Amino acid sequence: MSIREIALYAVALGVLSVVDVAEGRCKDAKDGEVPHGANELIQLTDQTVSSIRGEVSGPGEGDAKDIVVEIFSYAGGDSYEDMKNALAQKRIAACITGEDGKFSFPHVKRGKYLLRAGTRESRGINETYIILVVDPHITKNAGQGLRIPLHVGT
């Protein structure tokens, strides 16, 4: 039995929750598990991607573990008010990263989304936001995932 088959079997039994073994492991976040951030909102440049997957990196060793990555439908612009309105909605999906900081949401449809990443528990690291347009037909950088740096709060 392959590692992927074992992981899928474990998911079916409810022993393990893996979003996408091939692209990046992260376990499903429960409703009460949300990103925590320090005192500053970091917004990365809007991006068009073929899928929502990638890796979170922290300012120190081990800081990529236990990061909550969540996505919301998004219809707004790049203002704080637009982002706040999106966060008031029910999130579409969320996961918690493992040691490697990888995440993947393989079944997200074409559309515009707000991604938020932050620590599972308060650790003085700022949350990071990215407005994403998912277009599965995009070919530029299609093989690359998102790189999300987290920074120490001020």
Protein backbone atom coordinates (compact mmCIF):
# COMPACT_ATOMS: atom_id res chain seq x y z
CA MET A 1 0.00 0.00 0.00
CA SER A 2 1.39 3.44 -0.96
CA ILE A 3 1.76 6.33 1.49
CA ARG A 4 -1.08 8.13 -0.32
CA GLU A 5 -3.37 5.08 -0.01
CA ILE A 6 -2.54 4.75 3.69
CA ALA A 7 -3.24 8.45 4.27
CA LEU A 8 -6.54 8.28 2.37
CA TYR A 9 -7.52 5.19 4.36
CA ALA A 10 -6.66 7.00 7.60
CA VAL A 11 -8.76 9.98 6.50
CA ALA A 12 -11.69 7.66 5.75
CA LEU A 13 -11.40 6.15 9.24
CA GLY A 14 -11.25 9.62 10.78
CA VAL A 15 -7.79 8.96 12.24
CA LEU A 16 -6.06 11.58 10.12
CA SER A 17 -7.35 14.60 8.29
CA VAL A 18 -5.18 15.53 5.33
CA VAL A 19 -6.24 18.12 2.78
CA ASP A 20 -3.96 16.93 -0.01
CA VAL A 21 -1.11 14.52 0.58
CA ALA A 22 0.64 15.25 -2.72
CA GLU A 23 0.56 19.04 -2.44
CA GLY A 24 0.99 19.70 1.25
CA ARG A 25 -0.24 18.23 4.46
CA CYS A 26 -2.41 20.19 6.76
CA LYS A 27 -5.16 19.01 9.03
CA ASP A 28 -8.65 20.48 8.96
CA ALA A 29 -9.14 23.37 11.36
CA LYS A 30 -12.16 23.20 13.64
CA ASP A 31 -14.65 26.08 13.73
CA GLY A 32 -13.08 27.63 16.84
CA GLU A 33 -9.53 27.45 15.45
CA VAL A 34 -8.83 30.82 13.86
CA PRO A 35 -5.65 32.75 13.11
CA HIS A 36 -4.21 34.95 15.83
CA GLY A 37 -2.08 37.92 15.01
CA ALA A 38 -0.10 40.61 16.74
CA ASN A 39 -0.97 44.27 16.30
CA GLU A 40 -0.43 44.76 12.57
CA LEU A 41 -2.22 43.58 9.43
CA ILE A 42 0.13 42.50 6.64
CA GLN A 43 -1.39 42.40 3.16
CA LEU A 44 0.59 40.79 0.37
CA THR A 45 0.17 41.74 -3.29
CA ASP A 46 -2.99 40.42 -4.94
CA GLN A 47 -2.28 37.35 -7.05
CA THR A 48 -3.89 35.22 -9.74
CA VAL A 49 -3.18 31.52 -9.18
CA SER A 50 -4.22 28.21 -10.71
CA SER A 51 -4.88 26.69 -7.25
CA ILE A 52 -4.61 27.64 -3.60
CA ARG A 53 -1.61 25.81 -2.20
CA GLY A 54 1.77 26.73 -0.85
CA GLU A 55 3.92 27.15 2.19
CA VAL A 56 3.98 29.45 5.20
CA SER A 57 7.30 30.52 6.68
CA GLY A 58 7.81 32.19 10.01
CA PRO A 59 10.47 34.53 11.37
CA GLY A 60 12.14 31.76 13.38
CA GLU A 61 12.72 28.03 13.33
CA GLY A 62 9.54 26.08 14.03
CA ASP A 63 7.31 29.12 13.37
CA ALA A 64 5.66 27.46 10.32
CA LYS A 65 3.97 24.83 12.49
CA ASP A 66 0.41 25.29 13.76
CA ILE A 67 -0.45 28.11 11.39
CA VAL A 68 -4.15 28.44 10.61
CA VAL A 69 -4.70 29.11 6.91
CA GLU A 70 -8.27 29.93 5.93
CA ILE A 71 -10.07 31.14 2.82
CA PHE A 72 -13.22 33.20 2.32
CA SER A 73 -15.25 34.18 -0.75
CA TYR A 74 -14.32 37.72 -1.66
CA ALA A 75 -16.08 40.40 -3.67
CA GLY A 76 -14.36 43.52 -2.37
CA GLY A 77 -11.34 45.65 -3.11
CA ASP A 78 -8.19 46.00 -1.05
CA SER A 79 -9.53 48.13 1.81
CA TYR A 80 -9.56 47.02 5.44
CA GLU A 81 -13.38 47.38 5.49
CA ASP A 82 -13.74 45.02 2.49
CA MET A 83 -11.54 42.44 4.21
CA LYS A 84 -13.41 42.81 7.50
CA ASN A 85 -16.72 42.20 5.67
CA ALA A 86 -15.31 39.03 4.07
CA LEU A 87 -14.12 37.74 7.45
CA ALA A 88 -17.64 38.15 8.84
CA GLN A 89 -18.80 35.41 6.45
CA LYS A 90 -18.48 31.70 7.07
CA ARG A 91 -15.09 30.58 5.81
CA ILE A 92 -14.96 28.18 2.87
CA ALA A 93 -12.10 26.08 4.19
CA ALA A 94 -9.34 26.14 6.78
CA CYS A 95 -6.43 23.99 7.81
CA ILE A 96 -3.58 23.91 10.30
CA THR A 97 -0.05 23.45 8.98
CA GLY A 98 2.38 20.82 10.17
CA GLU A 99 6.15 21.18 10.70
CA ASP A 100 6.76 22.00 7.01
CA GLY A 101 4.25 24.87 6.85
CA LYS A 102 2.56 23.47 3.74
CA PHE A 103 -1.12 23.83 2.93
CA SER A 104 -3.40 22.97 0.03
CA PHE A 105 -7.03 23.57 -0.88
CA PRO A 106 -7.31 21.44 -4.05
CA HIS A 107 -11.05 21.71 -4.63
CA VAL A 108 -11.50 25.49 -4.70
CA LYS A 109 -13.40 26.65 -7.76
CA ARG A 110 -12.60 29.59 -10.02
CA GLY A 111 -13.30 32.88 -8.27
CA LYS A 112 -11.98 35.58 -5.96
CA TYR A 113 -10.93 34.73 -2.40
CA LEU A 114 -9.37 36.22 0.69
CA LEU A 115 -6.71 34.05 2.34
CA ARG A 116 -5.77 34.72 5.95
CA ALA A 117 -2.86 33.05 7.76
CA GLY A 118 -1.87 33.42 11.38
CA THR A 119 -0.70 31.46 14.38
CA ARG A 120 -3.05 29.00 16.07
CA GLU A 121 -2.22 30.55 19.45
CA SER A 122 -0.99 34.06 20.14
CA ARG A 123 2.80 34.15 19.59
CA GLY A 124 3.44 37.79 18.69
CA ILE A 125 3.45 37.13 14.95
CA ASN A 126 1.28 39.23 12.61
CA GLU A 127 -1.51 37.80 10.48
CA THR A 128 -1.02 37.91 6.72
CA TYR A 129 -3.76 38.45 4.13
CA ILE A 130 -3.77 37.87 0.37
CA ILE A 131 -6.53 38.55 -2.15
CA LEU A 132 -6.45 35.72 -4.68
CA VAL A 133 -8.13 35.13 -8.01
CA VAL A 134 -8.26 31.42 -8.79
CA ASP A 135 -8.17 30.57 -12.49
CA PRO A 136 -7.37 26.90 -13.17
CA HIS A 137 -6.42 27.75 -16.76
CA ILE A 138 -3.58 30.10 -15.85
CA THR A 139 -0.19 28.80 -16.99
CA LYS A 140 2.19 31.46 -15.63
CA ASN A 141 3.80 30.04 -12.46
CA ALA A 142 1.18 27.26 -12.42
CA GLY A 143 3.60 24.76 -10.92
CA GLN A 144 4.57 27.05 -8.05
CA GLY A 145 2.70 27.45 -4.80
CA LEU A 146 2.16 30.57 -2.74
CA ARG A 147 4.93 31.65 -0.37
CA ILE A 148 3.49 33.33 2.71
CA PRO A 149 5.98 34.90 5.12
CA LEU A 150 4.79 35.68 8.64
CA HIS A 151 6.47 38.54 10.49
CA VAL A 152 7.02 39.39 14.16
CA GLY A 153 4.60 42.01 15.48
CA THR A 154 5.74 45.48 16.37
